[in-house]
Amino acid sequence: MDIFHAYHDLLSDFADSVGASHSILHVHAGLAIYVLVQYALRTRRASIRALKVVIAVAVAHELFDYLGDPAWTGRDALDDILLTISWPAVLTGLGLHRRARWERRLREQQALAKLSGYTGERRPG
């Protein structure tokens, strides 16, 4: 048995032992990888690097499936990749949106402070 068939059998046995569908496992695996990579890289929320790692792992997993599962189909692979990256992509998108809003608000406050001459220091009085 080659490594690809062994990998496929190992994951099938794991899915059967926990009683979860492959779809649910893809969702959980994607989120777990995203969080672990963020922790390992010490990145902030909305880490593009962590999302890229999740995408790379999902594609690598589907490549292993292709090489080890004779019943592999492209449609199933695409569904699996989308399930794996769904929550990491949502969390990254929301985080980037929030960060952009915060930075815009900070720039507006700095511009107003500059116009009004406010320095943030209290005047003696």
C-alpha atoms as a PDB file:
ATOM      1  CA  MET A   1       0.000   0.000   0.000  1.00  0.00           C
ATOM      2  CA  ASP A   2       1.423   3.377  -0.907  1.00  0.00           C
ATOM      3  CA  ILE A   3       1.372   6.486   1.243  1.00  0.00           C
ATOM      4  CA  PHE A   4      -1.595   8.036  -0.592  1.00  0.00           C
ATOM      5  CA  HIS A   5      -3.874   5.040  -0.036  1.00  0.00           C
ATOM      6  CA  ALA A   6      -2.716   4.805   3.584  1.00  0.00           C
ATOM      7  CA  TYR A   7      -3.496   8.512   4.068  1.00  0.00           C
ATOM      8  CA  HIS A   8      -6.965   8.096   2.559  1.00  0.00           C
ATOM      9  CA  ASP A   9      -7.686   5.004   4.695  1.00  0.00           C
ATOM     10  CA  LEU A  10      -6.451   6.739   7.852  1.00  0.00           C
ATOM     11  CA  LEU A  11      -8.764   9.708   7.317  1.00  0.00           C
ATOM     12  CA  SER A  12     -11.712   7.470   6.451  1.00  0.00           C
ATOM     13  CA  ASP A  13     -11.140   5.428   9.600  1.00  0.00           C
ATOM     14  CA  PHE A  14     -10.915   8.630  11.652  1.00  0.00           C
ATOM     15  CA  ALA A  15     -14.175   9.972  10.204  1.00  0.00           C
ATOM     16  CA  ASP A  16     -15.896   6.670  10.934  1.00  0.00           C
ATOM     17  CA  SER A  17     -14.532   6.510  14.495  1.00  0.00           C
ATOM     18  CA  VAL A  18     -15.783   9.984  15.444  1.00  0.00           C
ATOM     19  CA  GLY A  19     -19.071   9.527  13.632  1.00  0.00           C
ATOM     20  CA  ALA A  20     -18.810  12.776  11.713  1.00  0.00           C
ATOM     21  CA  SER A  21     -19.337  13.391   8.046  1.00  0.00           C
ATOM     22  CA  HIS A  22     -16.400  14.308   5.843  1.00  0.00           C
ATOM     23  CA  SER A  23     -18.017  17.704   5.230  1.00  0.00           C
ATOM     24  CA  ILE A  24     -18.083  18.582   8.922  1.00  0.00           C
ATOM     25  CA  LEU A  25     -14.506  17.397   9.319  1.00  0.00           C
ATOM     26  CA  HIS A  26     -13.403  19.687   6.474  1.00  0.00           C
ATOM     27  CA  VAL A  27     -15.051  22.682   8.155  1.00  0.00           C
ATOM     28  CA  HIS A  28     -13.485  21.907  11.527  1.00  0.00           C
ATOM     29  CA  ALA A  29     -10.067  21.112  10.051  1.00  0.00           C
ATOM     30  CA  GLY A  30      -9.980  24.396   8.144  1.00  0.00           C
ATOM     31  CA  LEU A  31     -10.823  26.418  11.234  1.00  0.00           C
ATOM     32  CA  ALA A  32      -8.366  24.477  13.402  1.00  0.00           C
ATOM     33  CA  ILE A  33      -5.535  24.948  10.903  1.00  0.00           C
ATOM     34  CA  TYR A  34      -6.321  28.667  10.632  1.00  0.00           C
ATOM     35  CA  VAL A  35      -6.242  29.196  14.393  1.00  0.00           C
ATOM     36  CA  LEU A  36      -3.103  27.082  14.888  1.00  0.00           C
ATOM     37  CA  VAL A  37      -1.230  28.896  12.127  1.00  0.00           C
ATOM     38  CA  GLN A  38      -2.235  32.277  13.554  1.00  0.00           C
ATOM     39  CA  TYR A  39      -0.972  31.157  16.946  1.00  0.00           C
ATOM     40  CA  ALA A  40       2.270  29.719  15.552  1.00  0.00           C
ATOM     41  CA  LEU A  41       3.021  32.797  13.441  1.00  0.00           C
ATOM     42  CA  ARG A  42       1.805  35.160  16.186  1.00  0.00           C
ATOM     43  CA  THR A  43      -0.295  37.053  13.679  1.00  0.00           C
ATOM     44  CA  ARG A  44      -3.298  39.225  14.371  1.00  0.00           C
ATOM     45  CA  ARG A  45      -6.831  38.449  13.444  1.00  0.00           C
ATOM     46  CA  ALA A  46      -7.510  38.512   9.714  1.00  0.00           C
ATOM     47  CA  SER A  47      -4.221  36.888   8.841  1.00  0.00           C
ATOM     48  CA  ILE A  48      -3.840  36.529   5.093  1.00  0.00           C
ATOM     49  CA  ARG A  49      -0.827  34.277   5.695  1.00  0.00           C
ATOM     50  CA  ALA A  50      -2.894  31.881   7.812  1.00  0.00           C
ATOM     51  CA  LEU A  51      -5.609  31.828   5.136  1.00  0.00           C
ATOM     52  CA  LYS A  52      -3.000  31.014   2.482  1.00  0.00           C
ATOM     53  CA  VAL A  53      -1.756  28.108   4.605  1.00  0.00           C
ATOM     54  CA  VAL A  54      -5.320  26.773   4.946  1.00  0.00           C
ATOM     55  CA  ILE A  55      -5.774  26.973   1.168  1.00  0.00           C
ATOM     56  CA  ALA A  56      -2.441  25.220   0.563  1.00  0.00           C
ATOM     57  CA  VAL A  57      -3.272  22.441   3.028  1.00  0.00           C
ATOM     58  CA  ALA A  58      -6.737  21.984   1.502  1.00  0.00           C
ATOM     59  CA  VAL A  59      -5.281  21.713  -2.008  1.00  0.00           C
ATOM     60  CA  ALA A  60      -2.553  19.319  -0.804  1.00  0.00           C
ATOM     61  CA  HIS A  61      -5.183  17.186   0.906  1.00  0.00           C
ATOM     62  CA  GLU A  62      -7.219  16.982  -2.286  1.00  0.00           C
ATOM     63  CA  LEU A  63      -4.092  16.054  -4.229  1.00  0.00           C
ATOM     64  CA  PHE A  64      -3.515  13.200  -1.783  1.00  0.00           C
ATOM     65  CA  ASP A  65      -7.166  12.195  -2.191  1.00  0.00           C
ATOM     66  CA  TYR A  66      -6.762  12.234  -5.961  1.00  0.00           C
ATOM     67  CA  LEU A  67      -3.721   9.987  -5.764  1.00  0.00           C
ATOM     68  CA  GLY A  68      -5.204   7.619  -3.171  1.00  0.00           C
ATOM     69  CA  ASP A  69      -8.928   7.389  -3.907  1.00  0.00           C
ATOM     70  CA  PRO A  70     -10.118   5.827  -7.146  1.00  0.00           C
ATOM     71  CA  ALA A  71     -13.580   7.363  -6.637  1.00  0.00           C
ATOM     72  CA  TRP A  72     -12.188  10.937  -6.549  1.00  0.00           C
ATOM     73  CA  THR A  73     -14.050  13.552  -8.568  1.00  0.00           C
ATOM     74  CA  GLY A  74     -13.174  17.156  -9.286  1.00  0.00           C
ATOM     75  CA  ARG A  75     -16.562  18.342  -8.075  1.00  0.00           C
ATOM     76  CA  ASP A  76     -16.077  16.653  -4.693  1.00  0.00           C
ATOM     77  CA  ALA A  77     -12.595  18.154  -4.439  1.00  0.00           C
ATOM     78  CA  LEU A  78     -13.903  21.652  -5.109  1.00  0.00           C
ATOM     79  CA  ASP A  79     -16.664  21.187  -2.532  1.00  0.00           C
ATOM     80  CA  ASP A  80     -14.116  19.961   0.025  1.00  0.00           C
ATOM     81  CA  ILE A  81     -11.783  22.909  -0.593  1.00  0.00           C
ATOM     82  CA  LEU A  82     -14.649  25.391  -0.272  1.00  0.00           C
ATOM     83  CA  LEU A  83     -15.808  23.769   2.969  1.00  0.00           C
ATOM     84  CA  THR A  84     -12.275  23.823   4.366  1.00  0.00           C
ATOM     85  CA  ILE A  85     -11.626  27.486   3.629  1.00  0.00           C
ATOM     86  CA  SER A  86     -15.129  28.819   4.319  1.00  0.00           C
ATOM     87  CA  TRP A  87     -14.775  29.944   7.971  1.00  0.00           C
ATOM     88  CA  PRO A  88     -11.154  31.069   7.670  1.00  0.00           C
ATOM     89  CA  ALA A  89     -12.146  33.190   4.648  1.00  0.00           C
ATOM     90  CA  VAL A  90     -15.125  34.693   6.492  1.00  0.00           C
ATOM     91  CA  LEU A  91     -13.046  35.487   9.578  1.00  0.00           C
ATOM     92  CA  THR A  92     -10.270  36.997   7.470  1.00  0.00           C
ATOM     93  CA  GLY A  93     -12.733  39.111   5.481  1.00  0.00           C
ATOM     94  CA  LEU A  94     -14.479  40.396   8.595  1.00  0.00           C
ATOM     95  CA  GLY A  95     -11.196  41.139  10.306  1.00  0.00           C
ATOM     96  CA  LEU A  96      -9.837  43.039   7.314  1.00  0.00           C
ATOM     97  CA  HIS A  97     -13.070  45.028   7.087  1.00  0.00           C
ATOM     98  CA  ARG A  98     -12.944  45.923  10.784  1.00  0.00           C
ATOM     99  CA  ARG A  99      -9.266  46.844  10.554  1.00  0.00           C
ATOM    100  CA  ALA A 100      -9.932  49.107   7.546  1.00  0.00           C
ATOM    101  CA  ARG A 101     -12.812  50.809   9.404  1.00  0.00           C
ATOM    102  CA  TRP A 102     -10.649  51.326  12.480  1.00  0.00           C
ATOM    103  CA  GLU A 103      -7.757  52.769  10.428  1.00  0.00           C
ATOM    104  CA  ARG A 104     -10.136  55.106   8.562  1.00  0.00           C
ATOM    105  CA  ARG A 105     -11.630  56.298  11.848  1.00  0.00           C
ATOM    106  CA  LEU A 106      -8.147  56.864  13.291  1.00  0.00           C
ATOM    107  CA  ARG A 107      -7.088  58.908  10.238  1.00  0.00           C
ATOM    108  CA  GLU A 108     -10.253  61.020  10.536  1.00  0.00           C
ATOM    109  CA  GLN A 109      -9.582  61.686  14.224  1.00  0.00           C
ATOM    110  CA  GLN A 110      -5.978  62.640  13.482  1.00  0.00           C
ATOM    111  CA  ALA A 111      -7.077  65.001  10.703  1.00  0.00           C
ATOM    112  CA  LEU A 112      -9.641  66.653  12.981  1.00  0.00           C
ATOM    113  CA  ALA A 113      -7.085  67.006  15.744  1.00  0.00           C
ATOM    114  CA  LYS A 114      -4.631  68.578  13.338  1.00  0.00           C
ATOM    115  CA  LEU A 115      -7.238  71.057  12.088  1.00  0.00           C
ATOM    116  CA  SER A 116      -8.321  72.048  15.557  1.00  0.00           C
ATOM    117  CA  GLY A 117      -4.806  72.244  16.950  1.00  0.00           C
ATOM    118  CA  TYR A 118      -5.640  69.656  19.594  1.00  0.00           C
ATOM    119  CA  THR A 119      -2.531  67.799  20.708  1.00  0.00           C
ATOM    120  CA  GLY A 120      -4.061  65.540  23.313  1.00  0.00           C
ATOM    121  CA  GLU A 121      -2.335  67.369  26.160  1.00  0.00           C
ATOM    122  CA  ARG A 122      -4.143  69.284  28.858  1.00  0.00           C
ATOM    123  CA  ARG A 123      -3.456  72.946  29.200  1.00  0.00           C
ATOM    124  CA  PRO A 124      -2.633  74.268  32.633  1.00  0.00           C
ATOM    125  CA  GLY A 125      -5.476  76.169  33.976  1.00  0.00           C
END
